[in-house]
Structure formats: structure tokens, C-alpha cells
Amino acid sequence: MTLEERLEKIEAMLVVLVERQQVREWYSVEEFARTVGRSEFTCREWCRSGRIKAEKKHSGRGAHTSWVISHEELQRYQREGLLRGR
């Protein structure tokens, strides 16, 4: 492996690390699940049942909407856990 190839590999890994640490206003269910170490299915069920506060937003896929979770809700979940169900 050449020095140039090694540098490219290191740069790619740095991009992944920066994206992981980036604070966003809203997280998709996939991003939320990855952050909290749960499956996407479980997190979508939490959204549907009101166990976490989430909103439906247009996803760019026509008329279909997707659940999104705010950064504040992510922090609240990490501090306090799930809300009581509806």
C-alpha cells in the first residue's frame, strides 16, 4: 500500500468520524437507532406508540412521510429513557 493510498484511507475514516459527531436538528429513525444501539424497527415502534416524541416529515419520496426525532428528544431519551405509552 502506497503512502497516498494510506492517506486516502485515513481521510475517509476521518469523514466518517466527523459525520458521527455532527449534531443535527433532526435525526432519521436509522440515525437515531444507530446512536442509541437499537434496531430501526424498535425505534419506529417507539415513534408510533408515543414512547419517544417524533414527527412525520416529508422524506422526498413522494407522498410518503418518515419519522424524525429532534436532537432535544435524543438527549432527553439518553437522560431519562422512554416515555410512557399512549
N, C-alpha and C. Protein backbone atom coordinates (compact mmCIF):
# COMPACT_ATOMS: atom_id res chain seq x y z
N MET A 1 0.85 -1.17 0.00
CA MET A 1 0.00 0.00 0.00
C MET A 1 0.89 1.23 0.00
N THR A 2 0.63 2.13 -0.92
CA THR A 2 1.46 3.33 -1.02
C THR A 2 1.04 4.35 0.04
N LEU A 3 1.89 5.32 0.21
CA LEU A 3 1.61 6.37 1.18
C LEU A 3 0.35 7.14 0.79
N GLU A 4 0.18 7.38 -0.50
CA GLU A 4 -1.00 8.10 -0.98
C GLU A 4 -2.29 7.32 -0.69
N GLU A 5 -2.25 6.01 -0.89
CA GLU A 5 -3.42 5.17 -0.60
C GLU A 5 -3.74 5.17 0.89
N ARG A 6 -2.71 5.12 1.71
CA ARG A 6 -2.92 5.16 3.15
C ARG A 6 -3.55 6.48 3.59
N LEU A 7 -3.08 7.60 3.01
CA LEU A 7 -3.64 8.91 3.35
C LEU A 7 -5.10 9.00 2.93
N GLU A 8 -5.44 8.47 1.76
CA GLU A 8 -6.83 8.48 1.30
C GLU A 8 -7.72 7.67 2.25
N LYS A 9 -7.20 6.54 2.71
CA LYS A 9 -7.95 5.70 3.65
C LYS A 9 -8.17 6.44 4.98
N ILE A 10 -7.15 7.11 5.46
CA ILE A 10 -7.26 7.87 6.71
C ILE A 10 -8.26 9.01 6.55
N GLU A 11 -8.22 9.72 5.42
CA GLU A 11 -9.18 10.80 5.18
C GLU A 11 -10.61 10.29 5.16
N ALA A 12 -10.83 9.13 4.55
CA ALA A 12 -12.18 8.54 4.50
C ALA A 12 -12.67 8.20 5.91
N MET A 13 -11.78 7.67 6.74
CA MET A 13 -12.16 7.34 8.12
C MET A 13 -12.47 8.60 8.92
N LEU A 14 -11.72 9.68 8.68
CA LEU A 14 -11.98 10.94 9.36
C LEU A 14 -13.35 11.51 8.98
N VAL A 15 -13.71 11.40 7.73
CA VAL A 15 -15.03 11.87 7.29
C VAL A 15 -16.13 11.13 8.04
N VAL A 16 -15.99 9.81 8.19
CA VAL A 16 -16.98 9.01 8.91
C VAL A 16 -17.06 9.47 10.37
N LEU A 17 -15.93 9.69 11.00
CA LEU A 17 -15.92 10.13 12.40
C LEU A 17 -16.57 11.50 12.57
N VAL A 18 -16.30 12.44 11.67
CA VAL A 18 -16.88 13.77 11.76
C VAL A 18 -18.39 13.69 11.58
N GLU A 19 -18.86 12.88 10.63
CA GLU A 19 -20.31 12.74 10.42
C GLU A 19 -20.99 12.17 11.65
N ARG A 20 -20.33 11.25 12.33
CA ARG A 20 -20.90 10.64 13.54
C ARG A 20 -21.08 11.66 14.65
N GLN A 21 -20.14 12.58 14.76
CA GLN A 21 -20.14 13.54 15.85
C GLN A 21 -20.96 14.79 15.54
N GLN A 22 -21.40 14.92 14.31
CA GLN A 22 -22.13 16.11 13.90
C GLN A 22 -23.51 16.15 14.57
N VAL A 23 -23.81 17.28 15.21
CA VAL A 23 -25.10 17.46 15.85
C VAL A 23 -26.07 17.99 14.80
N ARG A 24 -27.19 17.33 14.69
CA ARG A 24 -28.21 17.75 13.73
C ARG A 24 -29.45 18.17 14.47
N GLU A 25 -30.28 18.97 13.80
CA GLU A 25 -31.53 19.39 14.41
C GLU A 25 -32.51 18.21 14.46
N TRP A 26 -32.54 17.40 13.40
CA TRP A 26 -33.43 16.25 13.30
C TRP A 26 -32.64 15.01 12.88
N TYR A 27 -33.06 13.85 13.40
CA TYR A 27 -32.43 12.58 13.06
C TYR A 27 -33.47 11.66 12.44
N SER A 28 -33.06 10.91 11.44
CA SER A 28 -33.95 9.88 10.89
C SER A 28 -34.02 8.74 11.90
N VAL A 29 -34.96 7.85 11.71
CA VAL A 29 -35.07 6.68 12.60
C VAL A 29 -33.79 5.86 12.52
N GLU A 30 -33.23 5.74 11.32
CA GLU A 30 -31.99 4.98 11.15
C GLU A 30 -30.85 5.59 11.97
N GLU A 31 -30.68 6.91 11.90
CA GLU A 31 -29.62 7.58 12.64
C GLU A 31 -29.86 7.48 14.15
N PHE A 32 -31.11 7.67 14.57
CA PHE A 32 -31.45 7.56 15.99
C PHE A 32 -31.14 6.15 16.49
N ALA A 33 -31.57 5.14 15.73
CA ALA A 33 -31.35 3.74 16.13
C ALA A 33 -29.87 3.44 16.27
N ARG A 34 -29.08 3.90 15.31
CA ARG A 34 -27.64 3.66 15.36
C ARG A 34 -27.03 4.32 16.60
N THR A 35 -27.49 5.53 16.92
CA THR A 35 -26.95 6.28 18.06
C THR A 35 -27.29 5.61 19.38
N VAL A 36 -28.52 5.10 19.52
CA VAL A 36 -28.94 4.52 20.80
C VAL A 36 -28.73 3.01 20.87
N GLY A 37 -28.25 2.41 19.79
CA GLY A 37 -27.93 0.98 19.81
C GLY A 37 -29.15 0.08 19.77
N ARG A 38 -30.19 0.50 19.08
CA ARG A 38 -31.41 -0.31 18.94
C ARG A 38 -31.69 -0.53 17.47
N SER A 39 -32.63 -1.41 17.16
CA SER A 39 -32.97 -1.66 15.76
C SER A 39 -33.89 -0.54 15.24
N GLU A 40 -33.88 -0.35 13.93
CA GLU A 40 -34.77 0.64 13.31
C GLU A 40 -36.22 0.29 13.60
N PHE A 41 -36.57 -0.98 13.51
CA PHE A 41 -37.95 -1.41 13.76
C PHE A 41 -38.40 -0.99 15.15
N THR A 42 -37.56 -1.25 16.15
CA THR A 42 -37.89 -0.90 17.53
C THR A 42 -38.11 0.60 17.68
N CYS A 43 -37.24 1.40 17.08
CA CYS A 43 -37.35 2.86 17.19
C CYS A 43 -38.59 3.37 16.47
N ARG A 44 -38.94 2.77 15.32
CA ARG A 44 -40.18 3.17 14.63
C ARG A 44 -41.39 2.84 15.49
N GLU A 45 -41.37 1.70 16.16
CA GLU A 45 -42.47 1.33 17.06
C GLU A 45 -42.58 2.31 18.22
N TRP A 46 -41.44 2.76 18.75
CA TRP A 46 -41.46 3.76 19.81
C TRP A 46 -42.10 5.04 19.31
N CYS A 47 -41.80 5.43 18.06
CA CYS A 47 -42.41 6.63 17.46
C CYS A 47 -43.92 6.45 17.37
N ARG A 48 -44.35 5.31 16.83
CA ARG A 48 -45.79 5.06 16.63
C ARG A 48 -46.55 5.03 17.95
N SER A 49 -45.94 4.47 18.97
CA SER A 49 -46.64 4.31 20.25
C SER A 49 -46.48 5.50 21.19
N GLY A 50 -45.71 6.50 20.78
CA GLY A 50 -45.53 7.68 21.62
C GLY A 50 -44.51 7.49 22.73
N ARG A 51 -43.70 6.46 22.65
CA ARG A 51 -42.67 6.23 23.68
C ARG A 51 -41.51 7.22 23.55
N ILE A 52 -41.33 7.78 22.36
CA ILE A 52 -40.43 8.91 22.14
C ILE A 52 -41.20 9.94 21.32
N LYS A 53 -40.86 11.20 21.50
CA LYS A 53 -41.53 12.26 20.75
C LYS A 53 -40.91 12.33 19.36
N ALA A 54 -41.73 12.12 18.34
CA ALA A 54 -41.25 12.15 16.96
C ALA A 54 -42.31 12.81 16.10
N GLU A 55 -41.89 13.26 14.94
CA GLU A 55 -42.80 13.90 14.00
C GLU A 55 -42.67 13.22 12.65
N LYS A 56 -43.72 13.34 11.86
CA LYS A 56 -43.69 12.85 10.48
C LYS A 56 -43.33 14.01 9.57
N LYS A 57 -42.33 13.81 8.73
CA LYS A 57 -41.93 14.84 7.77
C LYS A 57 -41.80 14.20 6.40
N HIS A 58 -41.99 15.02 5.38
CA HIS A 58 -41.82 14.52 4.02
C HIS A 58 -40.38 14.10 3.80
N SER A 59 -40.22 12.95 3.19
CA SER A 59 -38.89 12.37 3.03
C SER A 59 -38.32 12.54 1.64
N GLY A 60 -39.06 13.20 0.75
CA GLY A 60 -38.59 13.34 -0.61
C GLY A 60 -38.99 12.17 -1.48
N ARG A 61 -39.79 11.25 -0.92
CA ARG A 61 -40.24 10.07 -1.67
C ARG A 61 -41.73 10.19 -1.96
N GLY A 62 -42.10 11.25 -2.64
CA GLY A 62 -43.50 11.43 -3.00
C GLY A 62 -44.35 11.77 -1.80
N ALA A 63 -45.50 11.10 -1.70
CA ALA A 63 -46.47 11.40 -0.65
C ALA A 63 -46.11 10.75 0.69
N HIS A 64 -45.08 9.93 0.71
CA HIS A 64 -44.72 9.20 1.93
C HIS A 64 -43.96 10.09 2.91
N THR A 65 -44.30 9.95 4.17
CA THR A 65 -43.60 10.69 5.22
C THR A 65 -42.79 9.72 6.06
N SER A 66 -41.79 10.24 6.73
CA SER A 66 -40.93 9.43 7.59
C SER A 66 -40.88 10.04 8.98
N TRP A 67 -40.67 9.20 9.97
CA TRP A 67 -40.48 9.69 11.33
C TRP A 67 -39.13 10.38 11.43
N VAL A 68 -39.11 11.49 12.17
CA VAL A 68 -37.86 12.17 12.51
C VAL A 68 -37.90 12.50 14.00
N ILE A 69 -36.73 12.47 14.61
CA ILE A 69 -36.61 12.70 16.06
C ILE A 69 -35.67 13.89 16.26
N SER A 70 -36.08 14.84 17.08
CA SER A 70 -35.27 16.04 17.31
C SER A 70 -34.04 15.70 18.17
N HIS A 71 -33.06 16.58 18.07
CA HIS A 71 -31.85 16.42 18.88
C HIS A 71 -32.19 16.50 20.37
N GLU A 72 -33.12 17.40 20.71
CA GLU A 72 -33.54 17.53 22.11
C GLU A 72 -34.16 16.23 22.62
N GLU A 73 -34.95 15.57 21.77
CA GLU A 73 -35.57 14.30 22.19
C GLU A 73 -34.52 13.21 22.34
N LEU A 74 -33.52 13.20 21.47
CA LEU A 74 -32.42 12.23 21.61
C LEU A 74 -31.74 12.42 22.96
N GLN A 75 -31.44 13.67 23.31
CA GLN A 75 -30.79 13.94 24.59
C GLN A 75 -31.71 13.55 25.76
N ARG A 76 -33.00 13.86 25.65
CA ARG A 76 -33.94 13.51 26.71
C ARG A 76 -33.99 11.99 26.88
N TYR A 77 -34.05 11.25 25.77
CA TYR A 77 -34.08 9.79 25.85
C TYR A 77 -32.80 9.26 26.52
N GLN A 78 -31.66 9.82 26.17
CA GLN A 78 -30.40 9.36 26.75
C GLN A 78 -30.34 9.64 28.25
N ARG A 79 -30.97 10.72 28.71
CA ARG A 79 -31.00 11.05 30.14
C ARG A 79 -32.06 10.27 30.91
N GLU A 80 -33.29 10.18 30.33
CA GLU A 80 -34.45 9.71 31.08
C GLU A 80 -35.04 8.39 30.61
N GLY A 81 -34.75 7.99 29.38
CA GLY A 81 -35.34 6.76 28.85
C GLY A 81 -36.66 7.01 28.15
N LEU A 82 -37.39 5.94 27.94
CA LEU A 82 -38.66 6.01 27.20
C LEU A 82 -39.76 6.70 28.00
N LEU A 83 -40.67 7.33 27.26
CA LEU A 83 -41.87 7.90 27.86
C LEU A 83 -42.88 6.79 28.07
N ARG A 84 -43.89 7.07 28.86
CA ARG A 84 -44.99 6.11 28.98
C ARG A 84 -45.75 6.06 27.68
N GLY A 85 -46.24 4.90 27.32
CA GLY A 85 -47.01 4.76 26.08
C GLY A 85 -48.35 5.44 26.17
N ARG A 86 -48.98 5.61 25.02
CA ARG A 86 -50.30 6.25 24.99
C ARG A 86 -51.36 5.36 25.58
